[in-house]
Amino acid sequence: MRYNNAPHHRQIATFPHHKHVKNQVKPLYEPSIEAFIKEVKEILETIK
């Protein structure tokens, strides 16, 4: 997973902010380091 703000996915509702999750590009509603860390923690909890 990675957060991105490169202006290359104009179809995303939160353009230019988006995130890459596996092989998908998704809207990024909260583009902050805090939101990223929270999301990573949530993912890690599901694989424990």
Protein backbone atom coordinates (compact mmCIF):
# COMPACT_ATOMS: atom_id res chain seq x y z
CA MET A 1 0.00 0.00 0.00
CA ARG A 2 1.19 3.48 -0.75
CA TYR A 3 -0.25 6.96 -0.65
CA ASN A 4 0.33 9.13 -3.69
CA ASN A 5 -0.49 12.62 -4.94
CA ALA A 6 0.99 12.42 -8.43
CA PRO A 7 -1.58 13.86 -10.86
CA HIS A 8 -1.99 10.77 -13.05
CA HIS A 9 -5.36 9.27 -12.02
CA ARG A 10 -7.85 11.99 -12.94
CA GLN A 11 -10.82 9.62 -12.61
CA ILE A 12 -10.33 9.33 -8.82
CA ALA A 13 -12.78 11.46 -6.82
CA THR A 14 -10.01 12.76 -4.56
CA PHE A 15 -7.67 13.70 -7.44
CA PRO A 16 -4.75 14.12 -7.20
CA HIS A 17 -4.69 12.26 -3.87
CA HIS A 18 -5.03 8.49 -4.16
CA LYS A 19 -3.64 5.28 -2.76
CA HIS A 20 -2.39 2.11 -4.37
CA VAL A 21 -3.66 -1.01 -2.62
CA LYS A 22 -2.51 -4.27 -4.19
CA ASN A 23 -3.31 -3.75 -7.88
CA GLN A 24 -6.01 -1.12 -7.34
CA VAL A 25 -6.05 2.67 -7.23
CA LYS A 26 -8.46 4.04 -4.61
CA PRO A 27 -9.52 7.50 -3.41
CA LEU A 28 -7.48 8.98 -0.57
CA TYR A 29 -9.78 11.04 1.64
CA GLU A 30 -7.27 11.80 4.39
CA PRO A 31 -3.78 12.27 2.91
CA SER A 32 -1.69 12.50 6.08
CA ILE A 33 1.09 10.51 7.68
CA GLU A 34 -1.14 9.93 10.71
CA ALA A 35 -3.87 8.40 8.54
CA PHE A 36 -1.29 6.24 6.76
CA ILE A 37 0.13 4.90 10.03
CA LYS A 38 -3.36 4.20 11.35
CA GLU A 39 -4.28 2.30 8.20
CA VAL A 40 -1.06 0.26 8.30
CA LYS A 41 -1.70 -0.62 11.96
CA GLU A 42 -5.23 -1.78 11.09
CA ILE A 43 -3.88 -3.97 8.31
CA LEU A 44 -1.23 -5.46 10.57
CA GLU A 45 -3.84 -6.28 13.20
CA THR A 46 -5.79 -8.34 10.68
CA ILE A 47 -2.78 -10.54 9.86
CA LYS A 48 -1.74 -11.31 13.43
